[in-house]
Amino acid sequence: MRNLSVAVLITAGAAHAETVTIAALGDSLTAGYGLPQEDGFTFQLENWLQEQGADVTVMNAGVSGDTTAGGLSRVAWTLTPEVDAMIVSLGGNDFLRGLDPSVTRNNLDGILAAGQEAGVDMLLVGLEVGSNYGPAYKEEFESIYDDLAAKYDVPLYPDFGAGLRAFGEDMTSFLQSDGIHPNKDGVAMIVDAIGPVVLNLVETAQ
């Protein structure tokens, strides 16, 4: 009986250890701005992954309005011991504020360095920005993600909104009234597009 009890405890511990915890570090798009919790990005992503058979928990570490500086300031306490992987999806608010791309680069570099030091698997999510500040700014800003993904040898999902951009002008039906943040159906489209990449992250982190 004693041996059986030990075996049960070991088996239970192994089963528990298979659960992968992902911290999604981001801004309002990650946080689910304007939506009930169950309609937000992390909740829908977790459901999508579980429907694929993944044993996973997705932590919402998104803060509306956050810049890469904000992400860097809180990455250390986001990477708690139970976190196995991290999605880094920041930079949109840096662009909206016209911040120097070198500042954004340094902040994201610091976030990825913290994740590397913590030993977690990571996925870097980039974004497609407009030409508000000129083509040179746009090129420099977007190149940040390619360069840092290569530097830290982490997978890059080039554009958080790729799942919506595929609809072209019709994508407006998937946005909230502000014309920026996705509605429930928009989040579902984003999750459908990024989901397979995150599923690979789960498998790597197991």
N, C-alpha and C. Protein backbone atom coordinates (compact mmCIF):
# COMPACT_ATOMS: atom_id res chain seq x y z
N MET A 1 0.84 -1.21 0.00
CA MET A 1 0.00 0.00 0.00
C MET A 1 0.87 1.25 0.00
N ARG A 2 1.97 1.18 0.76
CA ARG A 2 2.85 2.35 0.83
C ARG A 2 3.43 2.64 -0.56
N ASN A 3 3.88 1.58 -1.25
CA ASN A 3 4.44 1.75 -2.59
C ASN A 3 3.39 2.28 -3.56
N LEU A 4 2.16 1.78 -3.40
CA LEU A 4 1.09 2.24 -4.26
C LEU A 4 0.81 3.72 -4.04
N SER A 5 0.83 4.16 -2.78
CA SER A 5 0.58 5.57 -2.46
C SER A 5 1.66 6.45 -3.07
N VAL A 6 2.91 6.00 -2.96
CA VAL A 6 4.01 6.76 -3.53
C VAL A 6 3.85 6.88 -5.04
N ALA A 7 3.44 5.76 -5.68
CA ALA A 7 3.27 5.76 -7.12
C ALA A 7 2.18 6.72 -7.54
N VAL A 8 1.09 6.75 -6.76
CA VAL A 8 -0.02 7.65 -7.07
C VAL A 8 0.42 9.09 -6.96
N LEU A 9 1.20 9.40 -5.91
CA LEU A 9 1.67 10.77 -5.71
C LEU A 9 2.60 11.20 -6.84
N ILE A 10 3.47 10.29 -7.27
CA ILE A 10 4.40 10.60 -8.35
C ILE A 10 3.64 10.85 -9.64
N THR A 11 2.66 9.97 -9.91
CA THR A 11 1.87 10.11 -11.13
C THR A 11 1.09 11.42 -11.14
N ALA A 12 0.49 11.74 -9.98
CA ALA A 12 -0.27 12.98 -9.88
C ALA A 12 0.62 14.19 -10.08
N GLY A 13 1.83 14.12 -9.50
CA GLY A 13 2.77 15.23 -9.65
C GLY A 13 3.20 15.41 -11.08
N ALA A 14 3.41 14.29 -11.79
CA ALA A 14 3.83 14.36 -13.18
C ALA A 14 2.72 14.95 -14.04
N ALA A 15 1.48 14.55 -13.76
CA ALA A 15 0.36 15.06 -14.53
C ALA A 15 0.22 16.56 -14.34
N HIS A 16 0.40 17.00 -13.10
CA HIS A 16 0.30 18.43 -12.81
C HIS A 16 1.40 19.21 -13.52
N ALA A 17 2.60 18.59 -13.57
CA ALA A 17 3.74 19.27 -14.16
C ALA A 17 3.58 19.48 -15.66
N GLU A 18 2.68 18.72 -16.29
CA GLU A 18 2.48 18.84 -17.73
C GLU A 18 1.74 20.12 -18.10
N THR A 19 1.04 20.72 -17.16
CA THR A 19 0.33 21.96 -17.46
C THR A 19 1.34 23.07 -17.73
N VAL A 20 1.20 23.70 -18.89
CA VAL A 20 2.10 24.78 -19.28
C VAL A 20 1.42 26.11 -18.96
N THR A 21 2.12 26.97 -18.24
CA THR A 21 1.60 28.28 -17.90
C THR A 21 2.29 29.32 -18.77
N ILE A 22 1.50 30.06 -19.53
CA ILE A 22 2.02 31.10 -20.40
C ILE A 22 1.61 32.46 -19.86
N ALA A 23 2.56 33.36 -19.73
CA ALA A 23 2.27 34.74 -19.36
C ALA A 23 2.23 35.57 -20.64
N ALA A 24 1.10 36.23 -20.89
CA ALA A 24 0.97 37.08 -22.07
C ALA A 24 1.21 38.52 -21.65
N LEU A 25 2.41 39.00 -21.90
CA LEU A 25 2.83 40.35 -21.50
C LEU A 25 2.50 41.31 -22.64
N GLY A 26 1.56 42.23 -22.39
CA GLY A 26 1.18 43.11 -23.48
C GLY A 26 0.45 44.36 -23.01
N ASP A 27 -0.28 44.95 -23.95
CA ASP A 27 -1.02 46.18 -23.68
C ASP A 27 -2.51 45.92 -23.75
N SER A 28 -3.29 46.88 -24.21
CA SER A 28 -4.75 46.74 -24.21
C SER A 28 -5.24 45.61 -25.09
N LEU A 29 -4.51 45.31 -26.16
CA LEU A 29 -4.91 44.22 -27.05
C LEU A 29 -4.83 42.88 -26.32
N THR A 30 -3.83 42.75 -25.49
CA THR A 30 -3.69 41.54 -24.67
C THR A 30 -4.65 41.57 -23.50
N ALA A 31 -4.82 42.73 -22.90
CA ALA A 31 -5.66 42.86 -21.71
C ALA A 31 -7.14 42.63 -22.01
N GLY A 32 -7.55 42.85 -23.27
CA GLY A 32 -8.95 42.68 -23.62
C GLY A 32 -9.77 43.94 -23.38
N TYR A 33 -9.19 45.07 -23.70
CA TYR A 33 -9.84 46.36 -23.48
C TYR A 33 -11.26 46.40 -24.04
N GLY A 34 -12.20 46.87 -23.24
CA GLY A 34 -13.56 47.07 -23.69
C GLY A 34 -14.40 45.82 -23.79
N LEU A 35 -13.87 44.68 -23.34
CA LEU A 35 -14.57 43.41 -23.47
C LEU A 35 -14.75 42.73 -22.12
N PRO A 36 -15.80 41.93 -21.96
CA PRO A 36 -15.89 41.07 -20.77
C PRO A 36 -14.71 40.11 -20.76
N GLN A 37 -14.33 39.67 -19.59
CA GLN A 37 -13.16 38.81 -19.46
C GLN A 37 -13.19 37.62 -20.40
N GLU A 38 -14.37 37.00 -20.52
CA GLU A 38 -14.46 35.78 -21.32
C GLU A 38 -14.35 36.03 -22.83
N ASP A 39 -14.41 37.30 -23.24
CA ASP A 39 -14.30 37.62 -24.67
C ASP A 39 -12.91 38.12 -25.04
N GLY A 40 -12.05 38.33 -24.03
CA GLY A 40 -10.73 38.89 -24.26
C GLY A 40 -9.75 37.91 -24.88
N PHE A 41 -8.60 38.43 -25.26
CA PHE A 41 -7.58 37.66 -25.98
C PHE A 41 -7.09 36.45 -25.20
N THR A 42 -6.66 36.65 -23.97
CA THR A 42 -6.05 35.53 -23.24
C THR A 42 -7.06 34.44 -22.94
N PHE A 43 -8.30 34.83 -22.64
CA PHE A 43 -9.33 33.85 -22.33
C PHE A 43 -9.67 33.03 -23.58
N GLN A 44 -9.86 33.72 -24.69
CA GLN A 44 -10.17 33.00 -25.93
C GLN A 44 -8.99 32.16 -26.41
N LEU A 45 -7.78 32.67 -26.22
CA LEU A 45 -6.59 31.91 -26.62
C LEU A 45 -6.47 30.64 -25.79
N GLU A 46 -6.66 30.75 -24.50
CA GLU A 46 -6.59 29.57 -23.63
C GLU A 46 -7.63 28.53 -24.06
N ASN A 47 -8.85 28.96 -24.33
CA ASN A 47 -9.89 28.03 -24.77
C ASN A 47 -9.51 27.38 -26.10
N TRP A 48 -8.97 28.17 -27.01
CA TRP A 48 -8.57 27.63 -28.32
C TRP A 48 -7.50 26.56 -28.15
N LEU A 49 -6.51 26.84 -27.34
CA LEU A 49 -5.42 25.89 -27.11
C LEU A 49 -5.94 24.60 -26.45
N GLN A 50 -6.81 24.76 -25.48
CA GLN A 50 -7.36 23.59 -24.80
C GLN A 50 -8.21 22.76 -25.74
N GLU A 51 -8.90 23.40 -26.67
CA GLU A 51 -9.68 22.66 -27.66
C GLU A 51 -8.78 21.83 -28.58
N GLN A 52 -7.51 22.25 -28.69
CA GLN A 52 -6.55 21.48 -29.49
C GLN A 52 -5.90 20.37 -28.67
N GLY A 53 -6.31 20.27 -27.41
CA GLY A 53 -5.78 19.22 -26.55
C GLY A 53 -4.62 19.65 -25.68
N ALA A 54 -4.28 20.93 -25.69
CA ALA A 54 -3.16 21.42 -24.89
C ALA A 54 -3.58 21.60 -23.43
N ASP A 55 -2.72 21.18 -22.52
CA ASP A 55 -2.93 21.39 -21.08
C ASP A 55 -2.22 22.69 -20.74
N VAL A 56 -2.95 23.79 -20.76
CA VAL A 56 -2.30 25.10 -20.69
C VAL A 56 -3.16 26.10 -19.93
N THR A 57 -2.47 27.03 -19.29
CA THR A 57 -3.10 28.18 -18.66
C THR A 57 -2.45 29.43 -19.25
N VAL A 58 -3.27 30.38 -19.67
CA VAL A 58 -2.74 31.63 -20.22
C VAL A 58 -3.03 32.75 -19.25
N MET A 59 -1.98 33.33 -18.68
CA MET A 59 -2.11 34.42 -17.72
C MET A 59 -2.23 35.76 -18.45
N ASN A 60 -3.20 36.55 -18.06
CA ASN A 60 -3.36 37.87 -18.65
C ASN A 60 -2.43 38.87 -17.96
N ALA A 61 -1.32 39.15 -18.61
CA ALA A 61 -0.37 40.14 -18.10
C ALA A 61 -0.37 41.37 -19.00
N GLY A 62 -1.57 41.70 -19.49
CA GLY A 62 -1.71 42.88 -20.32
C GLY A 62 -2.21 44.07 -19.51
N VAL A 63 -1.71 45.25 -19.82
CA VAL A 63 -2.12 46.48 -19.15
C VAL A 63 -2.45 47.51 -20.23
N SER A 64 -3.68 47.97 -20.23
CA SER A 64 -4.10 48.95 -21.24
C SER A 64 -3.25 50.21 -21.17
N GLY A 65 -2.83 50.67 -22.32
CA GLY A 65 -2.03 51.88 -22.41
C GLY A 65 -0.55 51.66 -22.16
N ASP A 66 -0.16 50.42 -21.90
CA ASP A 66 1.23 50.17 -21.54
C ASP A 66 2.16 50.31 -22.74
N THR A 67 3.33 50.85 -22.48
CA THR A 67 4.41 50.93 -23.46
C THR A 67 5.41 49.81 -23.17
N THR A 68 6.42 49.73 -24.01
CA THR A 68 7.47 48.74 -23.75
C THR A 68 8.20 49.05 -22.45
N ALA A 69 8.27 50.33 -22.08
CA ALA A 69 8.90 50.69 -20.80
C ALA A 69 8.11 50.11 -19.64
N GLY A 70 6.78 50.18 -19.73
CA GLY A 70 5.94 49.60 -18.69
C GLY A 70 6.12 48.10 -18.62
N GLY A 71 6.20 47.47 -19.79
CA GLY A 71 6.43 46.02 -19.81
C GLY A 71 7.75 45.64 -19.18
N LEU A 72 8.78 46.42 -19.46
CA LEU A 72 10.09 46.14 -18.88
C LEU A 72 10.06 46.30 -17.37
N SER A 73 9.31 47.29 -16.88
CA SER A 73 9.27 47.56 -15.44
C SER A 73 8.57 46.45 -14.66
N ARG A 74 7.72 45.67 -15.34
CA ARG A 74 6.97 44.65 -14.60
C ARG A 74 7.26 43.22 -15.05
N VAL A 75 8.22 43.06 -15.96
CA VAL A 75 8.49 41.70 -16.44
C VAL A 75 9.04 40.80 -15.34
N ALA A 76 9.81 41.37 -14.42
CA ALA A 76 10.42 40.55 -13.36
C ALA A 76 9.36 39.91 -12.47
N TRP A 77 8.31 40.67 -12.10
CA TRP A 77 7.31 40.06 -11.24
C TRP A 77 6.23 39.34 -12.04
N THR A 78 6.26 39.48 -13.36
CA THR A 78 5.39 38.66 -14.22
C THR A 78 5.94 37.25 -14.32
N LEU A 79 7.26 37.14 -14.35
CA LEU A 79 7.91 35.84 -14.50
C LEU A 79 8.02 35.13 -13.16
N THR A 80 6.87 34.76 -12.61
CA THR A 80 6.82 34.00 -11.36
C THR A 80 7.27 32.56 -11.63
N PRO A 81 7.60 31.81 -10.58
CA PRO A 81 8.15 30.46 -10.76
C PRO A 81 7.28 29.52 -11.60
N GLU A 82 5.96 29.70 -11.59
CA GLU A 82 5.10 28.76 -12.32
C GLU A 82 5.04 29.06 -13.82
N VAL A 83 5.58 30.18 -14.25
CA VAL A 83 5.52 30.54 -15.67
C VAL A 83 6.54 29.73 -16.46
N ASP A 84 6.05 29.06 -17.51
CA ASP A 84 6.89 28.23 -18.37
C ASP A 84 7.24 28.93 -19.68
N ALA A 85 6.39 29.85 -20.10
CA ALA A 85 6.58 30.51 -21.39
C ALA A 85 5.99 31.91 -21.32
N MET A 86 6.43 32.76 -22.24
CA MET A 86 5.95 34.14 -22.24
C MET A 86 5.73 34.62 -23.68
N ILE A 87 4.57 35.22 -23.89
CA ILE A 87 4.28 35.92 -25.14
C ILE A 87 4.56 37.40 -24.89
N VAL A 88 5.39 38.00 -25.72
CA VAL A 88 5.71 39.42 -25.59
C VAL A 88 5.05 40.16 -26.75
N SER A 89 4.04 40.97 -26.43
CA SER A 89 3.28 41.68 -27.46
C SER A 89 3.13 43.14 -27.05
N LEU A 90 4.16 43.90 -27.30
CA LEU A 90 4.21 45.30 -26.90
C LEU A 90 4.81 46.16 -28.01
N GLY A 91 4.50 47.43 -27.97
CA GLY A 91 5.09 48.37 -28.93
C GLY A 91 4.07 49.27 -29.60
N GLY A 92 2.81 48.86 -29.59
CA GLY A 92 1.78 49.67 -30.24
C GLY A 92 1.66 51.06 -29.66
N ASN A 93 1.72 51.17 -28.36
CA ASN A 93 1.60 52.49 -27.72
C ASN A 93 2.87 53.31 -27.88
N ASP A 94 4.01 52.64 -28.03
CA ASP A 94 5.24 53.36 -28.34
C ASP A 94 5.08 54.07 -29.69
N PHE A 95 4.54 53.33 -30.67
CA PHE A 95 4.34 53.90 -32.00
C PHE A 95 3.34 55.05 -31.95
N LEU A 96 2.23 54.85 -31.27
CA LEU A 96 1.20 55.89 -31.21
C LEU A 96 1.73 57.18 -30.61
N ARG A 97 2.71 57.04 -29.72
CA ARG A 97 3.29 58.22 -29.08
C ARG A 97 4.51 58.75 -29.85
N GLY A 98 4.87 58.07 -30.92
CA GLY A 98 6.01 58.51 -31.73
C GLY A 98 7.33 58.43 -31.00
N LEU A 99 7.47 57.43 -30.13
CA LEU A 99 8.72 57.29 -29.37
C LEU A 99 9.87 56.89 -30.28
N ASP A 100 11.05 57.27 -29.88
CA ASP A 100 12.25 56.91 -30.62
C ASP A 100 12.34 55.38 -30.70
N PRO A 101 12.42 54.81 -31.91
CA PRO A 101 12.50 53.35 -32.03
C PRO A 101 13.64 52.72 -31.24
N SER A 102 14.72 53.47 -31.04
CA SER A 102 15.84 52.92 -30.27
C SER A 102 15.43 52.66 -28.82
N VAL A 103 14.52 53.48 -28.30
CA VAL A 103 14.02 53.28 -26.93
C VAL A 103 13.17 52.02 -26.88
N THR A 104 12.30 51.86 -27.86
CA THR A 104 11.47 50.66 -27.93
C THR A 104 12.34 49.42 -28.05
N ARG A 105 13.35 49.49 -28.88
CA ARG A 105 14.27 48.37 -29.07
C ARG A 105 14.95 47.99 -27.75
N ASN A 106 15.45 48.97 -27.04
CA ASN A 106 16.16 48.68 -25.79
C ASN A 106 15.22 48.07 -24.74
N ASN A 107 13.99 48.56 -24.69
CA ASN A 107 13.04 48.02 -23.72
C ASN A 107 12.68 46.57 -24.04
N LEU A 108 12.39 46.30 -25.30
CA LEU A 108 12.06 44.93 -25.69
C LEU A 108 13.26 44.00 -25.51
N ASP A 109 14.44 44.53 -25.76
CA ASP A 109 15.67 43.76 -25.53
C ASP A 109 15.76 43.36 -24.06
N GLY A 110 15.44 44.30 -23.18
CA GLY A 110 15.50 44.02 -21.75
C GLY A 110 14.47 42.98 -21.33
N ILE A 111 13.28 43.04 -21.94
CA ILE A 111 12.23 42.08 -21.62
C ILE A 111 12.65 40.67 -22.05
N LEU A 112 13.17 40.56 -23.25
CA LEU A 112 13.60 39.25 -23.75
C LEU A 112 14.79 38.72 -22.97
N ALA A 113 15.67 39.62 -22.55
CA ALA A 113 16.81 39.20 -21.73
C ALA A 113 16.33 38.65 -20.39
N ALA A 114 15.31 39.27 -19.83
CA ALA A 114 14.75 38.79 -18.56
C ALA A 114 14.12 37.42 -18.74
N GLY A 115 13.43 37.22 -19.84
CA GLY A 115 12.83 35.92 -20.11
C GLY A 115 13.88 34.85 -20.33
N GLN A 116 14.94 35.22 -21.03
CA GLN A 116 16.03 34.28 -21.26
C GLN A 116 16.70 33.89 -19.94
N GLU A 117 16.92 34.88 -19.09
CA GLU A 117 17.55 34.62 -17.79
C GLU A 117 16.66 33.73 -16.92
N ALA A 118 15.34 33.89 -17.05
CA ALA A 118 14.40 33.09 -16.27
C ALA A 118 14.25 31.68 -16.83
N GLY A 119 14.77 31.46 -18.03
CA GLY A 119 14.72 30.13 -18.62
C GLY A 119 13.36 29.76 -19.20
N VAL A 120 12.56 30.76 -19.60
CA VAL A 120 11.25 30.47 -20.17
C VAL A 120 11.32 30.54 -21.69
N ASP A 121 10.49 29.75 -22.34
CA ASP A 121 10.37 29.83 -23.79
C ASP A 121 9.55 31.07 -24.12
N MET A 122 9.85 31.68 -25.26
CA MET A 122 9.19 32.95 -25.57
C MET A 122 8.71 33.01 -27.01
N LEU A 123 7.69 33.82 -27.21
CA LEU A 123 7.19 34.17 -28.54
C LEU A 123 7.12 35.69 -28.61
N LEU A 124 7.78 36.26 -29.59
CA LEU A 124 7.75 37.71 -29.78
C LEU A 124 6.70 38.03 -30.84
N VAL A 125 5.82 38.96 -30.52
CA VAL A 125 4.76 39.36 -31.44
C VAL A 125 5.03 40.78 -31.91
N GLY A 126 5.17 40.94 -33.21
CA GLY A 126 5.41 42.27 -33.77
C GLY A 126 4.11 42.93 -34.17
N LEU A 127 4.22 44.03 -34.90
CA LEU A 127 3.03 44.71 -35.38
C LEU A 127 3.35 45.49 -36.64
N GLU A 128 2.34 45.64 -37.45
CA GLU A 128 2.46 46.44 -38.66
C GLU A 128 1.99 47.84 -38.33
N VAL A 129 2.86 48.81 -38.52
CA VAL A 129 2.52 50.19 -38.15
C VAL A 129 2.29 51.03 -39.40
N GLY A 130 1.65 52.16 -39.20
CA GLY A 130 1.39 53.07 -40.30
C GLY A 130 2.61 53.92 -40.63
N SER A 131 2.44 54.78 -41.61
CA SER A 131 3.56 55.65 -42.03
C SER A 131 3.36 57.07 -41.51
N ASN A 132 2.68 57.18 -40.36
CA ASN A 132 2.40 58.49 -39.76
C ASN A 132 3.65 59.35 -39.61
N TYR A 133 4.76 58.69 -39.25
CA TYR A 133 6.00 59.42 -38.97
C TYR A 133 7.01 59.26 -40.10
N GLY A 134 6.55 58.82 -41.25
CA GLY A 134 7.41 58.68 -42.41
C GLY A 134 7.88 57.25 -42.61
N PRO A 135 8.28 56.91 -43.83
CA PRO A 135 8.69 55.54 -44.15
C PRO A 135 9.94 55.08 -43.41
N ALA A 136 10.85 56.00 -43.14
CA ALA A 136 12.08 55.61 -42.45
C ALA A 136 11.77 55.16 -41.02
N TYR A 137 10.88 55.90 -40.36
CA TYR A 137 10.47 55.54 -39.00
C TYR A 137 9.78 54.18 -39.01
N LYS A 138 8.87 54.00 -39.95
CA LYS A 138 8.12 52.74 -40.06
C LYS A 138 9.08 51.56 -40.24
N GLU A 139 10.04 51.71 -41.13
CA GLU A 139 10.99 50.63 -41.40
C GLU A 139 11.84 50.34 -40.17
N GLU A 140 12.31 51.39 -39.53
CA GLU A 140 13.15 51.20 -38.34
C GLU A 140 12.37 50.54 -37.21
N PHE A 141 11.11 50.95 -37.04
CA PHE A 141 10.30 50.41 -35.96
C PHE A 141 9.99 48.94 -36.19
N GLU A 142 9.54 48.60 -37.37
CA GLU A 142 9.16 47.22 -37.64
C GLU A 142 10.35 46.28 -37.63
N SER A 143 11.53 46.79 -37.97
CA SER A 143 12.72 45.94 -37.99
C SER A 143 13.17 45.51 -36.59
N ILE A 144 12.70 46.23 -35.58
CA ILE A 144 13.06 45.89 -34.20
C ILE A 144 12.73 44.43 -33.90
N TYR A 145 11.57 43.99 -34.32
CA TYR A 145 11.09 42.65 -33.97
C TYR A 145 11.88 41.56 -34.68
N ASP A 146 12.18 41.77 -35.96
CA ASP A 146 13.01 40.79 -36.68
C ASP A 146 14.38 40.67 -36.04
N ASP A 147 14.97 41.81 -35.73
CA ASP A 147 16.33 41.81 -35.18
C ASP A 147 16.39 41.12 -33.81
N LEU A 148 15.42 41.43 -32.94
CA LEU A 148 15.47 40.86 -31.59
C LEU A 148 15.08 39.39 -31.59
N ALA A 149 14.19 38.99 -32.49
CA ALA A 149 13.85 37.57 -32.59
C ALA A 149 15.09 36.78 -32.99
N ALA A 150 15.87 37.33 -33.91
CA ALA A 150 17.11 36.67 -34.33
C ALA A 150 18.14 36.67 -33.20
N LYS A 151 18.25 37.79 -32.51
CA LYS A 151 19.24 37.89 -31.43
C LYS A 151 19.00 36.87 -30.34
N TYR A 152 17.73 36.68 -29.96
CA TYR A 152 17.41 35.78 -28.85
C TYR A 152 16.94 34.40 -29.33
N ASP A 153 16.97 34.21 -30.65
CA ASP A 153 16.58 32.93 -31.24
C ASP A 153 15.20 32.49 -30.75
N VAL A 154 14.25 33.40 -30.86
CA VAL A 154 12.88 33.10 -30.46
C VAL A 154 11.97 33.25 -31.69
N PRO A 155 10.88 32.51 -31.74
CA PRO A 155 9.96 32.65 -32.87
C PRO A 155 9.31 34.02 -32.88
N LEU A 156 9.02 34.51 -34.08
CA LEU A 156 8.39 35.82 -34.25
C LEU A 156 7.07 35.64 -34.99
N TYR A 157 6.02 36.17 -34.40
CA TYR A 157 4.74 36.30 -35.11
C TYR A 157 4.70 37.75 -35.55
N PRO A 158 4.84 38.03 -36.84
CA PRO A 158 5.14 39.39 -37.30
C PRO A 158 4.10 40.46 -36.99
N ASP A 159 2.82 40.08 -36.93
CA ASP A 159 1.80 41.12 -36.80
C ASP A 159 0.63 40.61 -35.97
N PHE A 160 0.43 41.19 -34.79
CA PHE A 160 -0.66 40.77 -33.91
C PHE A 160 -2.00 40.79 -34.64
N GLY A 161 -2.22 41.77 -35.49
CA GLY A 161 -3.51 41.93 -36.16
C GLY A 161 -3.64 41.20 -37.48
N ALA A 162 -2.73 40.27 -37.76
CA ALA A 162 -2.75 39.59 -39.06
C ALA A 162 -4.08 38.90 -39.34
N GLY A 163 -4.69 38.34 -38.30
CA GLY A 163 -5.95 37.64 -38.47
C GLY A 163 -7.08 38.54 -38.92
N LEU A 164 -6.95 39.84 -38.66
CA LEU A 164 -7.97 40.80 -39.09
C LEU A 164 -7.61 41.45 -40.42
N ARG A 165 -6.34 41.69 -40.64
CA ARG A 165 -5.93 42.37 -41.87
C ARG A 165 -6.28 41.56 -43.11
N ALA A 166 -6.43 40.25 -42.94
CA ALA A 166 -6.80 39.40 -44.07
C ALA A 166 -8.16 39.77 -44.63
N PHE A 167 -8.99 40.47 -43.84
CA PHE A 167 -10.32 40.86 -44.28
C PHE A 167 -10.33 42.21 -44.99
N GLY A 168 -9.18 42.88 -45.04
CA GLY A 168 -9.10 44.15 -45.72
C GLY A 168 -10.04 45.18 -45.11
N GLU A 169 -10.78 45.88 -45.96
CA GLU A 169 -11.69 46.92 -45.48
C GLU A 169 -12.81 46.35 -44.63
N ASP A 170 -13.12 45.08 -44.83
CA ASP A 170 -14.20 44.45 -44.06
C ASP A 170 -13.81 44.20 -42.60
N MET A 171 -12.55 44.43 -42.27
CA MET A 171 -12.11 44.18 -40.90
C MET A 171 -12.80 45.13 -39.90
N THR A 172 -13.34 46.23 -40.39
CA THR A 172 -13.99 47.18 -39.48
C THR A 172 -15.16 46.55 -38.72
N SER A 173 -15.76 45.52 -39.29
CA SER A 173 -16.88 44.86 -38.62
C SER A 173 -16.41 44.04 -37.43
N PHE A 174 -15.10 43.86 -37.33
CA PHE A 174 -14.53 43.09 -36.22
C PHE A 174 -13.90 44.00 -35.16
N LEU A 175 -14.14 45.31 -35.28
CA LEU A 175 -13.57 46.27 -34.34
C LEU A 175 -14.65 46.88 -33.47
N GLN A 176 -14.23 47.34 -32.29
CA GLN A 176 -15.13 48.09 -31.43
C GLN A 176 -15.36 49.48 -32.02
N SER A 177 -16.21 50.25 -31.40
CA SER A 177 -16.59 51.56 -31.94
C SER A 177 -15.41 52.53 -32.05
N ASP A 178 -14.32 52.27 -31.30
CA ASP A 178 -13.16 53.16 -31.38
C ASP A 178 -12.35 52.93 -32.65
N GLY A 179 -12.66 51.87 -33.38
CA GLY A 179 -11.96 51.58 -34.61
C GLY A 179 -10.55 51.07 -34.43
N ILE A 180 -10.17 50.75 -33.20
CA ILE A 180 -8.81 50.28 -32.90
C ILE A 180 -8.81 48.89 -32.29
N HIS A 181 -9.62 48.72 -31.26
CA HIS A 181 -9.60 47.47 -30.51
C HIS A 181 -10.61 46.47 -31.09
N PRO A 182 -10.22 45.20 -31.15
CA PRO A 182 -11.12 44.19 -31.70
C PRO A 182 -12.31 43.91 -30.78
N ASN A 183 -13.45 43.58 -31.41
CA ASN A 183 -14.58 43.11 -30.61
C ASN A 183 -14.43 41.60 -30.39
N LYS A 184 -15.43 40.99 -29.82
CA LYS A 184 -15.35 39.56 -29.51
C LYS A 184 -15.00 38.73 -30.75
N ASP A 185 -15.69 39.00 -31.84
CA ASP A 185 -15.44 38.23 -33.07
C ASP A 185 -14.06 38.55 -33.64
N GLY A 186 -13.63 39.79 -33.49
CA GLY A 186 -12.30 40.16 -33.94
C GLY A 186 -11.22 39.43 -33.18
N VAL A 187 -11.39 39.33 -31.87
CA VAL A 187 -10.44 38.58 -31.06
C VAL A 187 -10.38 37.13 -31.52
N ALA A 188 -11.55 36.56 -31.83
CA ALA A 188 -11.60 35.17 -32.29
C ALA A 188 -10.79 35.00 -33.58
N MET A 189 -10.87 35.97 -34.49
CA MET A 189 -10.10 35.91 -35.73
C MET A 189 -8.60 36.00 -35.45
N ILE A 190 -8.24 36.87 -34.52
CA ILE A 190 -6.83 37.01 -34.14
C ILE A 190 -6.31 35.71 -33.53
N VAL A 191 -7.12 35.12 -32.66
CA VAL A 191 -6.73 33.87 -32.00
C VAL A 191 -6.61 32.73 -33.00
N ASP A 192 -7.54 32.65 -33.94
CA ASP A 192 -7.46 31.59 -34.95
C ASP A 192 -6.16 31.67 -35.74
N ALA A 193 -5.69 32.89 -35.98
CA ALA A 193 -4.48 33.08 -36.77
C ALA A 193 -3.21 32.79 -35.97
N ILE A 194 -3.16 33.29 -34.75
CA ILE A 194 -1.94 33.14 -33.94
C ILE A 194 -1.92 31.82 -33.17
N GLY A 195 -3.08 31.20 -33.02
CA GLY A 195 -3.19 30.01 -32.20
C GLY A 195 -2.18 28.91 -32.52
N PRO A 196 -2.03 28.52 -33.79
CA PRO A 196 -1.06 27.45 -34.10
C PRO A 196 0.37 27.77 -33.68
N VAL A 197 0.74 29.06 -33.75
CA VAL A 197 2.09 29.46 -33.35
C VAL A 197 2.24 29.33 -31.83
N VAL A 198 1.21 29.71 -31.10
CA VAL A 198 1.25 29.58 -29.65
C VAL A 198 1.22 28.10 -29.25
N LEU A 199 0.51 27.30 -30.02
CA LEU A 199 0.48 25.85 -29.74
C LEU A 199 1.89 25.27 -29.86
N ASN A 200 2.65 25.74 -30.82
CA ASN A 200 4.06 25.31 -30.94
C ASN A 200 4.84 25.74 -29.71
N LEU A 201 4.54 26.92 -29.20
CA LEU A 201 5.22 27.41 -28.00
C LEU A 201 4.91 26.50 -26.81
N VAL A 202 3.67 26.08 -26.69
CA VAL A 202 3.26 25.18 -25.62
C VAL A 202 4.04 23.88 -25.71
N GLU A 203 4.13 23.32 -26.92
CA GLU A 203 4.82 22.06 -27.10
C GLU A 203 6.31 22.18 -26.79
N THR A 204 6.88 23.31 -27.13
CA THR A 204 8.31 23.54 -26.83
C THR A 204 8.54 23.65 -25.33
N ALA A 205 7.58 24.26 -24.64
CA ALA A 205 7.73 24.51 -23.20
C ALA A 205 7.45 23.28 -22.34
N GLN A 206 6.84 22.27 -22.90
CA GLN A 206 6.48 21.09 -22.11
C GLN A 206 7.72 20.31 -21.66
